[in-house]
Amino acid sequence: MSKSNIIDFYEPQNDSLAVGAVSAKVYLDGQLCDYLVAEKVTLAADEFGQAVLSYYPKDKSVLPEETDCLVRCGQRIIIKTGYDGGIGEYRPQEWQIFAGLVERIDTEISGNQQKTTVIAKDSSVCSKPQLCREVELNCQWPGERISVSRTNIAEITGVKNCSPMHEKQFQIKTLTLLPGFCIGDRITASPDSRDILGVKYDNRSICSIEKIQMDFVNQQIILTAVKKRK
């Protein structure tokens, strides 16, 4: 009888994400549209909101010039995403993040591949955003290493502005796509957290969100925050 010191260890394969991907539903003239996929949604304080969608027809035989039969300029586009609005229970609900009209349809043909992009604009521009809430992006302790569970900041860049009203502008890329930010939200830092934006002890300035870009392809949000004098 032969003996062996070899032990076979089998570990189950785990392909699930730590943070689930965020998807969006597209409604065309009030009807659920499964052949339009949201790629990017941009909301800004002094600009028109914009949504970029890709067109994936069910019927592959549809020619690019026949796209107008399904999607036309002037049609109303509504984009909604899901979230858990329950307490202690899983109750997914829909939250509207964009509503506008189809402004342009672009078709790009390369070899045997074709891509149709639909651009929608929202004319309800918010010229004077109101401060809605206080949001904290980074909950790390001073001196703590980067921890995914304690921060939602993947990358941050700052640009100084010579204007007396605009002290500094930040572009913040988040780790996850959580569409819960609003134009005018004030960015704060708790007493125990690491103050990356320098807002904890600055009583003369206020840092608020002025632009939100939701990237459904890369699953992240790009925030533009401006630090102004009060």
C-alpha atoms as a PDB file:
ATOM      1  CA  MET A   1       0.000   0.000   0.000  1.00  0.00           C
ATOM      2  CA  SER A   2       1.586   3.202  -1.173  1.00  0.00           C
ATOM      3  CA  LYS A   3       1.435   6.378   0.837  1.00  0.00           C
ATOM      4  CA  SER A   4       1.537   9.938  -0.419  1.00  0.00           C
ATOM      5  CA  ASN A   5       1.983  13.304   1.256  1.00  0.00           C
ATOM      6  CA  ILE A   6       0.160  15.119  -1.546  1.00  0.00           C
ATOM      7  CA  ILE A   7      -3.074  16.794  -0.534  1.00  0.00           C
ATOM      8  CA  ASP A   8      -5.476  17.983  -3.206  1.00  0.00           C
ATOM      9  CA  PHE A   9      -7.171  21.224  -2.187  1.00  0.00           C
ATOM     10  CA  TYR A  10     -10.126  22.479  -4.197  1.00  0.00           C
ATOM     11  CA  GLU A  11     -11.257  26.078  -3.787  1.00  0.00           C
ATOM     12  CA  PRO A  12     -14.536  27.230  -5.293  1.00  0.00           C
ATOM     13  CA  GLN A  13     -14.210  29.825  -8.029  1.00  0.00           C
ATOM     14  CA  ASN A  14     -15.633  33.204  -7.065  1.00  0.00           C
ATOM     15  CA  ASP A  15     -16.365  35.588  -9.920  1.00  0.00           C
ATOM     16  CA  SER A  16     -18.725  37.922  -8.077  1.00  0.00           C
ATOM     17  CA  LEU A  17     -17.764  41.573  -7.584  1.00  0.00           C
ATOM     18  CA  ALA A  18     -17.184  43.064  -4.155  1.00  0.00           C
ATOM     19  CA  VAL A  19     -19.288  46.035  -5.264  1.00  0.00           C
ATOM     20  CA  GLY A  20     -22.001  45.250  -7.768  1.00  0.00           C
ATOM     21  CA  ALA A  21     -22.043  47.085 -11.071  1.00  0.00           C
ATOM     22  CA  VAL A  22     -24.607  49.864 -11.398  1.00  0.00           C
ATOM     23  CA  SER A  23     -26.842  49.718 -14.438  1.00  0.00           C
ATOM     24  CA  ALA A  24     -29.453  52.105 -15.796  1.00  0.00           C
ATOM     25  CA  LYS A  25     -32.802  51.686 -17.501  1.00  0.00           C
ATOM     26  CA  VAL A  26     -33.635  53.829 -20.508  1.00  0.00           C
ATOM     27  CA  TYR A  27     -37.170  54.928 -21.327  1.00  0.00           C
ATOM     28  CA  LEU A  28     -37.985  56.269 -24.799  1.00  0.00           C
ATOM     29  CA  ASP A  29     -41.223  58.293 -24.915  1.00  0.00           C
ATOM     30  CA  GLY A  30     -42.348  56.589 -21.707  1.00  0.00           C
ATOM     31  CA  GLN A  31     -41.655  53.023 -22.899  1.00  0.00           C
ATOM     32  CA  LEU A  32     -38.836  50.842 -21.595  1.00  0.00           C
ATOM     33  CA  CYS A  33     -36.187  50.718 -24.322  1.00  0.00           C
ATOM     34  CA  ASP A  34     -33.853  47.703 -24.183  1.00  0.00           C
ATOM     35  CA  TYR A  35     -31.857  48.589 -27.302  1.00  0.00           C
ATOM     36  CA  LEU A  36     -30.467  51.842 -25.828  1.00  0.00           C
ATOM     37  CA  VAL A  37     -27.687  51.541 -23.228  1.00  0.00           C
ATOM     38  CA  ALA A  38     -26.574  54.509 -21.118  1.00  0.00           C
ATOM     39  CA  GLU A  39     -22.830  55.139 -21.243  1.00  0.00           C
ATOM     40  CA  LYS A  40     -22.405  58.575 -19.643  1.00  0.00           C
ATOM     41  CA  VAL A  41     -24.670  61.067 -17.911  1.00  0.00           C
ATOM     42  CA  THR A  42     -23.352  64.566 -17.174  1.00  0.00           C
ATOM     43  CA  LEU A  43     -25.059  67.083 -14.897  1.00  0.00           C
ATOM     44  CA  ALA A  44     -23.609  70.564 -14.386  1.00  0.00           C
ATOM     45  CA  ALA A  45     -24.520  73.795 -12.635  1.00  0.00           C
ATOM     46  CA  ASP A  46     -24.150  76.192 -15.589  1.00  0.00           C
ATOM     47  CA  GLU A  47     -24.474  73.789 -18.520  1.00  0.00           C
ATOM     48  CA  PHE A  48     -27.169  71.653 -20.089  1.00  0.00           C
ATOM     49  CA  GLY A  49     -27.299  68.091 -18.831  1.00  0.00           C
ATOM     50  CA  GLN A  50     -26.199  65.505 -21.384  1.00  0.00           C
ATOM     51  CA  ALA A  51     -26.603  61.767 -21.799  1.00  0.00           C
ATOM     52  CA  VAL A  52     -24.587  59.586 -24.180  1.00  0.00           C
ATOM     53  CA  LEU A  53     -26.244  56.314 -25.144  1.00  0.00           C
ATOM     54  CA  SER A  54     -25.253  53.427 -27.415  1.00  0.00           C
ATOM     55  CA  TYR A  55     -27.726  51.844 -29.791  1.00  0.00           C
ATOM     56  CA  TYR A  56     -27.776  48.039 -29.907  1.00  0.00           C
ATOM     57  CA  PRO A  57     -30.559  46.811 -32.208  1.00  0.00           C
ATOM     58  CA  LYS A  58     -32.126  43.429 -31.583  1.00  0.00           C
ATOM     59  CA  ASP A  59     -32.177  42.799 -35.302  1.00  0.00           C
ATOM     60  CA  LYS A  60     -28.587  42.785 -36.580  1.00  0.00           C
ATOM     61  CA  SER A  61     -29.834  43.252 -40.123  1.00  0.00           C
ATOM     62  CA  VAL A  62     -30.932  46.830 -39.376  1.00  0.00           C
ATOM     63  CA  LEU A  63     -28.859  49.202 -41.487  1.00  0.00           C
ATOM     64  CA  PRO A  64     -27.381  52.405 -39.992  1.00  0.00           C
ATOM     65  CA  GLU A  65     -29.619  54.565 -42.164  1.00  0.00           C
ATOM     66  CA  GLU A  66     -32.653  52.735 -40.765  1.00  0.00           C
ATOM     67  CA  THR A  67     -31.930  53.820 -37.193  1.00  0.00           C
ATOM     68  CA  ASP A  68     -34.314  56.763 -37.574  1.00  0.00           C
ATOM     69  CA  CYS A  69     -37.183  54.261 -37.712  1.00  0.00           C
ATOM     70  CA  LEU A  70     -36.522  53.366 -34.059  1.00  0.00           C
ATOM     71  CA  VAL A  71     -34.880  56.467 -32.557  1.00  0.00           C
ATOM     72  CA  ARG A  72     -35.642  59.986 -33.776  1.00  0.00           C
ATOM     73  CA  CYS A  73     -34.478  63.447 -32.770  1.00  0.00           C
ATOM     74  CA  GLY A  74     -36.917  65.128 -30.426  1.00  0.00           C
ATOM     75  CA  GLN A  75     -38.011  61.957 -28.633  1.00  0.00           C
ATOM     76  CA  ARG A  76     -37.986  62.092 -24.847  1.00  0.00           C
ATOM     77  CA  ILE A  77     -35.297  60.124 -23.005  1.00  0.00           C
ATOM     78  CA  ILE A  78     -35.581  59.246 -19.311  1.00  0.00           C
ATOM     79  CA  ILE A  79     -32.794  57.366 -17.527  1.00  0.00           C
ATOM     80  CA  LYS A  80     -33.391  55.677 -14.194  1.00  0.00           C
ATOM     81  CA  THR A  81     -31.160  53.636 -11.925  1.00  0.00           C
ATOM     82  CA  GLY A  82     -31.998  51.284  -9.089  1.00  0.00           C
ATOM     83  CA  TYR A  83     -31.225  51.544  -5.408  1.00  0.00           C
ATOM     84  CA  ASP A  84     -32.218  49.845  -2.174  1.00  0.00           C
ATOM     85  CA  GLY A  85     -34.662  52.138  -0.433  1.00  0.00           C
ATOM     86  CA  GLY A  86     -35.693  49.686   2.297  1.00  0.00           C
ATOM     87  CA  ILE A  87     -34.470  49.407   5.865  1.00  0.00           C
ATOM     88  CA  GLY A  88     -33.416  45.869   6.712  1.00  0.00           C
ATOM     89  CA  GLU A  89     -35.147  44.530   3.602  1.00  0.00           C
ATOM     90  CA  TYR A  90     -34.212  44.401  -0.051  1.00  0.00           C
ATOM     91  CA  ARG A  91     -36.605  46.769  -1.746  1.00  0.00           C
ATOM     92  CA  PRO A  92     -35.107  47.953  -5.021  1.00  0.00           C
ATOM     93  CA  GLN A  93     -36.597  51.164  -6.334  1.00  0.00           C
ATOM     94  CA  GLU A  94     -35.995  53.359  -9.362  1.00  0.00           C
ATOM     95  CA  TRP A  95     -34.451  56.795  -9.164  1.00  0.00           C
ATOM     96  CA  GLN A  96     -34.550  59.185 -12.127  1.00  0.00           C
ATOM     97  CA  ILE A  97     -31.147  60.663 -12.930  1.00  0.00           C
ATOM     98  CA  PHE A  98     -31.794  62.226 -16.342  1.00  0.00           C
ATOM     99  CA  ALA A  99     -34.688  63.503 -18.453  1.00  0.00           C
ATOM    100  CA  GLY A 100     -34.204  65.186 -21.825  1.00  0.00           C
ATOM    101  CA  LEU A 101     -34.716  65.054 -25.576  1.00  0.00           C
ATOM    102  CA  VAL A 102     -32.724  63.304 -28.305  1.00  0.00           C
ATOM    103  CA  GLU A 103     -30.621  65.984 -29.976  1.00  0.00           C
ATOM    104  CA  ARG A 104     -28.258  64.079 -32.262  1.00  0.00           C
ATOM    105  CA  ILE A 105     -27.695  60.589 -33.641  1.00  0.00           C
ATOM    106  CA  ASP A 106     -24.171  59.722 -34.813  1.00  0.00           C
ATOM    107  CA  THR A 107     -23.220  56.576 -36.720  1.00  0.00           C
ATOM    108  CA  GLU A 108     -19.621  55.388 -37.061  1.00  0.00           C
ATOM    109  CA  ILE A 109     -18.783  52.585 -39.497  1.00  0.00           C
ATOM    110  CA  SER A 110     -15.428  50.804 -39.413  1.00  0.00           C
ATOM    111  CA  GLY A 111     -15.113  47.738 -41.608  1.00  0.00           C
ATOM    112  CA  ASN A 112     -17.905  45.360 -40.710  1.00  0.00           C
ATOM    113  CA  GLN A 113     -18.519  47.097 -37.393  1.00  0.00           C
ATOM    114  CA  GLN A 114     -20.971  49.915 -36.849  1.00  0.00           C
ATOM    115  CA  LYS A 115     -21.698  51.968 -33.751  1.00  0.00           C
ATOM    116  CA  THR A 116     -24.616  54.318 -33.315  1.00  0.00           C
ATOM    117  CA  THR A 117     -24.435  56.907 -30.552  1.00  0.00           C
ATOM    118  CA  VAL A 118     -27.456  58.844 -29.334  1.00  0.00           C
ATOM    119  CA  ILE A 119     -26.908  62.239 -27.675  1.00  0.00           C
ATOM    120  CA  ALA A 120     -29.682  63.632 -25.476  1.00  0.00           C
ATOM    121  CA  LYS A 121     -29.762  67.074 -23.828  1.00  0.00           C
ATOM    122  CA  ASP A 122     -31.622  68.340 -20.805  1.00  0.00           C
ATOM    123  CA  SER A 123     -32.536  72.014 -21.185  1.00  0.00           C
ATOM    124  CA  SER A 124     -33.404  72.524 -17.501  1.00  0.00           C
ATOM    125  CA  VAL A 125     -30.052  74.048 -16.599  1.00  0.00           C
ATOM    126  CA  CYS A 126     -29.475  74.858 -12.927  1.00  0.00           C
ATOM    127  CA  SER A 127     -27.762  78.266 -13.035  1.00  0.00           C
ATOM    128  CA  LYS A 128     -27.765  78.778  -9.254  1.00  0.00           C
ATOM    129  CA  PRO A 129     -27.310  75.490  -7.426  1.00  0.00           C
ATOM    130  CA  GLN A 130     -28.516  75.391  -3.849  1.00  0.00           C
ATOM    131  CA  LEU A 131     -26.533  73.671  -1.128  1.00  0.00           C
ATOM    132  CA  CYS A 132     -28.447  70.446  -0.593  1.00  0.00           C
ATOM    133  CA  ARG A 133     -26.511  68.276   1.834  1.00  0.00           C
ATOM    134  CA  GLU A 134     -23.138  67.633   3.328  1.00  0.00           C
ATOM    135  CA  VAL A 135     -21.263  64.670   1.841  1.00  0.00           C
ATOM    136  CA  GLU A 136     -18.008  63.089   3.001  1.00  0.00           C
ATOM    137  CA  LEU A 137     -15.973  61.263   0.381  1.00  0.00           C
ATOM    138  CA  ASN A 138     -13.023  60.218   2.521  1.00  0.00           C
ATOM    139  CA  CYS A 139     -13.293  58.599   5.967  1.00  0.00           C
ATOM    140  CA  GLN A 140      -9.638  57.625   6.406  1.00  0.00           C
ATOM    141  CA  TRP A 141      -7.729  58.481   9.547  1.00  0.00           C
ATOM    142  CA  PRO A 142      -4.743  60.848   9.241  1.00  0.00           C
ATOM    143  CA  GLY A 143      -1.722  58.838   8.118  1.00  0.00           C
ATOM    144  CA  GLU A 144      -3.769  55.760   7.222  1.00  0.00           C
ATOM    145  CA  ARG A 145      -2.984  53.917   3.992  1.00  0.00           C
ATOM    146  CA  ILE A 146      -5.451  53.832   1.124  1.00  0.00           C
ATOM    147  CA  SER A 147      -8.369  51.618   2.118  1.00  0.00           C
ATOM    148  CA  VAL A 148     -11.186  50.856  -0.298  1.00  0.00           C
ATOM    149  CA  SER A 149     -13.651  50.395   2.538  1.00  0.00           C
ATOM    150  CA  ARG A 150     -12.965  53.847   4.008  1.00  0.00           C
ATOM    151  CA  THR A 151     -12.717  56.083   0.971  1.00  0.00           C
ATOM    152  CA  ASN A 152     -14.498  56.609  -2.329  1.00  0.00           C
ATOM    153  CA  ILE A 153     -11.672  58.612  -3.909  1.00  0.00           C
ATOM    154  CA  ALA A 154      -9.613  56.898  -6.606  1.00  0.00           C
ATOM    155  CA  GLU A 155      -7.879  59.988  -8.003  1.00  0.00           C
ATOM    156  CA  ILE A 156      -7.957  63.707  -7.295  1.00  0.00           C
ATOM    157  CA  THR A 157      -6.409  66.652  -9.128  1.00  0.00           C
ATOM    158  CA  GLY A 158      -6.556  70.338  -8.218  1.00  0.00           C
ATOM    159  CA  VAL A 159      -6.328  73.423 -10.420  1.00  0.00           C
ATOM    160  CA  LYS A 160      -5.866  76.912  -9.008  1.00  0.00           C
ATOM    161  CA  ASN A 161      -7.992  79.750 -10.331  1.00  0.00           C
ATOM    162  CA  CYS A 162      -6.893  83.388 -10.295  1.00  0.00           C
ATOM    163  CA  SER A 163     -10.458  84.604  -9.787  1.00  0.00           C
ATOM    164  CA  PRO A 164     -11.067  85.975  -6.269  1.00  0.00           C
ATOM    165  CA  MET A 165     -14.289  83.957  -5.992  1.00  0.00           C
ATOM    166  CA  HIS A 166     -12.857  80.627  -7.170  1.00  0.00           C
ATOM    167  CA  GLU A 167      -9.924  79.634  -5.012  1.00  0.00           C
ATOM    168  CA  LYS A 168      -9.417  76.133  -6.335  1.00  0.00           C
ATOM    169  CA  GLN A 169     -11.114  73.558  -8.556  1.00  0.00           C
ATOM    170  CA  PHE A 170     -10.881  69.826  -7.940  1.00  0.00           C
ATOM    171  CA  GLN A 171     -11.596  66.886 -10.222  1.00  0.00           C
ATOM    172  CA  ILE A 172     -12.402  63.803  -8.157  1.00  0.00           C
ATOM    173  CA  LYS A 173     -12.702  60.283  -9.567  1.00  0.00           C
ATOM    174  CA  THR A 174     -14.537  57.839  -7.335  1.00  0.00           C
ATOM    175  CA  LEU A 175     -13.900  54.120  -6.891  1.00  0.00           C
ATOM    176  CA  THR A 176     -17.512  53.124  -7.443  1.00  0.00           C
ATOM    177  CA  LEU A 177     -20.513  54.398  -9.326  1.00  0.00           C
ATOM    178  CA  LEU A 178     -23.001  55.421  -6.640  1.00  0.00           C
ATOM    179  CA  PRO A 179     -25.376  57.965  -8.222  1.00  0.00           C
ATOM    180  CA  GLY A 180     -26.360  59.712  -5.005  1.00  0.00           C
ATOM    181  CA  PHE A 181     -24.624  63.069  -5.479  1.00  0.00           C
ATOM    182  CA  CYS A 182     -26.459  66.293  -6.330  1.00  0.00           C
ATOM    183  CA  ILE A 183     -25.352  69.619  -7.768  1.00  0.00           C
ATOM    184  CA  GLY A 184     -24.618  71.928  -4.850  1.00  0.00           C
ATOM    185  CA  ASP A 185     -23.721  69.222  -2.323  1.00  0.00           C
ATOM    186  CA  ARG A 186     -21.138  70.510   0.144  1.00  0.00           C
ATOM    187  CA  ILE A 187     -18.035  68.364   0.661  1.00  0.00           C
ATOM    188  CA  THR A 188     -16.975  68.124   4.304  1.00  0.00           C
ATOM    189  CA  ALA A 189     -14.507  66.219   6.460  1.00  0.00           C
ATOM    190  CA  SER A 190     -15.174  64.808   9.918  1.00  0.00           C
ATOM    191  CA  PRO A 191     -12.825  65.649  12.823  1.00  0.00           C
ATOM    192  CA  ASP A 192     -11.233  62.176  12.723  1.00  0.00           C
ATOM    193  CA  SER A 193     -10.845  61.834   8.960  1.00  0.00           C
ATOM    194  CA  ARG A 194      -8.003  62.703   6.648  1.00  0.00           C
ATOM    195  CA  ASP A 195      -8.629  66.192   5.188  1.00  0.00           C
ATOM    196  CA  ILE A 196      -7.635  65.747   1.533  1.00  0.00           C
ATOM    197  CA  LEU A 197      -9.464  68.807   0.184  1.00  0.00           C
ATOM    198  CA  GLY A 198      -8.421  71.120   2.996  1.00  0.00           C
ATOM    199  CA  VAL A 199     -11.947  71.982   4.127  1.00  0.00           C
ATOM    200  CA  LYS A 200     -11.822  70.956   7.787  1.00  0.00           C
ATOM    201  CA  TYR A 201     -10.222  74.080   9.264  1.00  0.00           C
ATOM    202  CA  ASP A 202     -10.968  76.582   6.491  1.00  0.00           C
ATOM    203  CA  ASN A 203     -13.878  78.640   7.814  1.00  0.00           C
ATOM    204  CA  ARG A 204     -13.661  81.241   5.045  1.00  0.00           C
ATOM    205  CA  SER A 205     -14.293  78.879   2.106  1.00  0.00           C
ATOM    206  CA  ILE A 206     -16.914  76.415   1.044  1.00  0.00           C
ATOM    207  CA  CYS A 207     -16.340  73.415  -1.262  1.00  0.00           C
ATOM    208  CA  SER A 208     -19.360  72.295  -3.288  1.00  0.00           C
ATOM    209  CA  ILE A 209     -20.040  69.978  -6.227  1.00  0.00           C
ATOM    210  CA  GLU A 210     -20.728  71.808  -9.498  1.00  0.00           C
ATOM    211  CA  LYS A 211     -20.481  69.004 -12.060  1.00  0.00           C
ATOM    212  CA  ILE A 212     -21.296  65.292 -11.965  1.00  0.00           C
ATOM    213  CA  GLN A 213     -20.330  62.830 -14.683  1.00  0.00           C
ATOM    214  CA  MET A 214     -21.637  59.282 -14.238  1.00  0.00           C
ATOM    215  CA  ASP A 215     -19.578  56.841 -16.304  1.00  0.00           C
ATOM    216  CA  PHE A 216     -21.484  53.554 -16.628  1.00  0.00           C
ATOM    217  CA  VAL A 217     -18.766  52.013 -18.828  1.00  0.00           C
ATOM    218  CA  ASN A 218     -15.912  52.424 -16.328  1.00  0.00           C
ATOM    219  CA  GLN A 219     -18.270  52.257 -13.328  1.00  0.00           C
ATOM    220  CA  GLN A 220     -17.126  55.470 -11.667  1.00  0.00           C
ATOM    221  CA  ILE A 221     -18.209  59.058 -11.084  1.00  0.00           C
ATOM    222  CA  ILE A 222     -16.126  62.108 -11.958  1.00  0.00           C
ATOM    223  CA  LEU A 223     -16.957  65.056  -9.711  1.00  0.00           C
ATOM    224  CA  THR A 224     -15.951  68.670 -10.298  1.00  0.00           C
ATOM    225  CA  ALA A 225     -15.839  70.527  -6.994  1.00  0.00           C
ATOM    226  CA  VAL A 226     -15.096  74.236  -6.593  1.00  0.00           C
ATOM    227  CA  LYS A 227     -13.768  75.775  -3.400  1.00  0.00           C
ATOM    228  CA  LYS A 228     -15.042  79.332  -3.107  1.00  0.00           C
ATOM    229  CA  ARG A 229     -14.790  82.145  -0.605  1.00  0.00           C
ATOM    230  CA  LYS A 230     -17.952  82.660   1.404  1.00  0.00           C
END
